Amino acid sequence: MKAFVLTRYGNNQEIQAADMPEPLVNAEDVLIQVKAASVNPVDFKIRDGQLKQVLPLRFPPHSGQRRGRRSDAGWGEGDAV
């Protein structure tokens, strides 16, 4: 899968596109294909290191790693969610 990763705290120069391993999926998990993603002002502050006192990172993290969700709504394989 593709991901944007930080090599260290800093500006946009520290973000690189990278290939990451596919996530492991268990029987109780749902794997989704992301069609679009976004960043918000908190993401910029994390990247810049402004929040490293309260949210320290181990490099290289990838954007979106803290946004996993689980649903028990009964969707089937191939359903748009």
Protein backbone atom coordinates (compact mmCIF):
# COMPACT_ATOMS: atom_id res chain seq x y z
CA MET A 1 0.00 0.00 0.00
CA LYS A 2 1.10 3.59 -0.47
CA ALA A 3 1.62 5.94 2.46
CA PHE A 4 3.19 9.29 3.19
CA VAL A 5 5.85 9.00 5.88
CA LEU A 6 7.78 11.53 7.94
CA THR A 7 11.53 11.08 8.19
CA ARG A 8 11.84 13.60 11.05
CA TYR A 9 10.04 16.65 12.43
CA GLY A 10 10.07 19.53 9.97
CA ASN A 11 8.30 20.94 6.96
CA ASN A 12 6.96 19.33 3.77
CA GLN A 13 10.51 18.37 2.74
CA GLU A 14 10.44 15.66 5.44
CA ILE A 15 7.40 13.88 3.94
CA GLN A 16 8.02 11.11 1.41
CA ALA A 17 5.74 8.72 -0.48
CA ALA A 18 6.58 5.12 0.40
CA ASP A 19 5.40 1.56 -0.10
CA MET A 20 4.18 -0.01 3.14
CA PRO A 21 3.23 -3.62 3.84
CA GLU A 22 -0.45 -4.52 3.58
CA PRO A 23 -2.09 -4.54 7.03
CA LEU A 24 -2.83 -7.88 8.67
CA VAL A 25 -6.56 -8.55 8.72
CA ASN A 26 -8.17 -10.88 11.25
CA ALA A 27 -11.65 -12.42 11.05
CA GLU A 28 -13.14 -9.61 13.17
CA ASP A 29 -11.47 -6.82 11.12
CA VAL A 30 -12.68 -4.89 8.10
CA LEU A 31 -10.20 -3.90 5.40
CA ILE A 32 -11.22 -0.80 3.45
CA GLN A 33 -9.83 0.72 0.28
CA VAL A 34 -9.32 4.45 0.80
CA LYS A 35 -10.35 6.57 -2.16
CA ALA A 36 -9.41 9.94 -0.64
CA ALA A 37 -7.69 11.25 2.47
CA SER A 38 -7.02 14.63 4.00
CA VAL A 39 -4.87 16.38 6.55
CA ASN A 40 -5.93 18.96 9.10
CA PRO A 41 -4.17 21.66 11.14
CA VAL A 42 -3.31 19.19 13.92
CA ASP A 43 -1.45 17.04 11.35
CA PHE A 44 0.70 20.05 10.41
CA LYS A 45 1.48 20.72 14.07
CA ILE A 46 2.47 17.08 14.58
CA ARG A 47 4.69 17.22 11.46
CA ASP A 48 6.31 20.47 12.58
CA GLY A 49 7.04 19.04 16.05
CA GLN A 50 4.83 21.54 17.87
CA LEU A 51 3.07 18.69 19.74
CA LYS A 52 6.03 16.41 20.41
CA GLN A 53 5.82 17.05 24.17
CA VAL A 54 2.33 15.50 24.30
CA LEU A 55 2.43 13.31 21.17
CA PRO A 56 5.99 12.09 20.57
CA LEU A 57 6.52 10.12 17.36
CA ARG A 58 8.71 7.15 16.49
CA PHE A 59 10.01 7.68 12.99
CA PRO A 60 8.93 6.90 10.40
CA PRO A 61 5.24 7.16 11.30
CA HIS A 62 2.76 7.35 8.44
CA SER A 63 -0.14 9.73 8.17
CA GLY A 64 -3.45 8.25 9.18
CA GLN A 65 -2.07 5.60 11.52
CA ARG A 66 -4.23 6.79 14.38
CA ARG A 67 -7.48 6.81 12.42
CA GLY A 68 -8.43 3.14 12.33
CA ARG A 69 -12.08 2.43 12.92
CA ARG A 70 -14.18 -0.70 13.29
CA SER A 71 -17.78 -1.13 12.26
CA ASP A 72 -20.30 -3.80 13.18
CA ALA A 73 -22.91 -2.50 10.74
CA GLY A 74 -23.07 -5.69 8.67
CA TRP A 75 -21.52 -4.53 5.41
CA GLY A 76 -20.41 -7.23 3.00
CA GLU A 77 -17.31 -7.59 0.85
CA GLY A 78 -17.25 -4.99 -1.92
CA ASP A 79 -19.91 -2.74 -0.34
CA ALA A 80 -19.20 0.99 -0.45
CA VAL A 81 -18.95 2.42 3.07
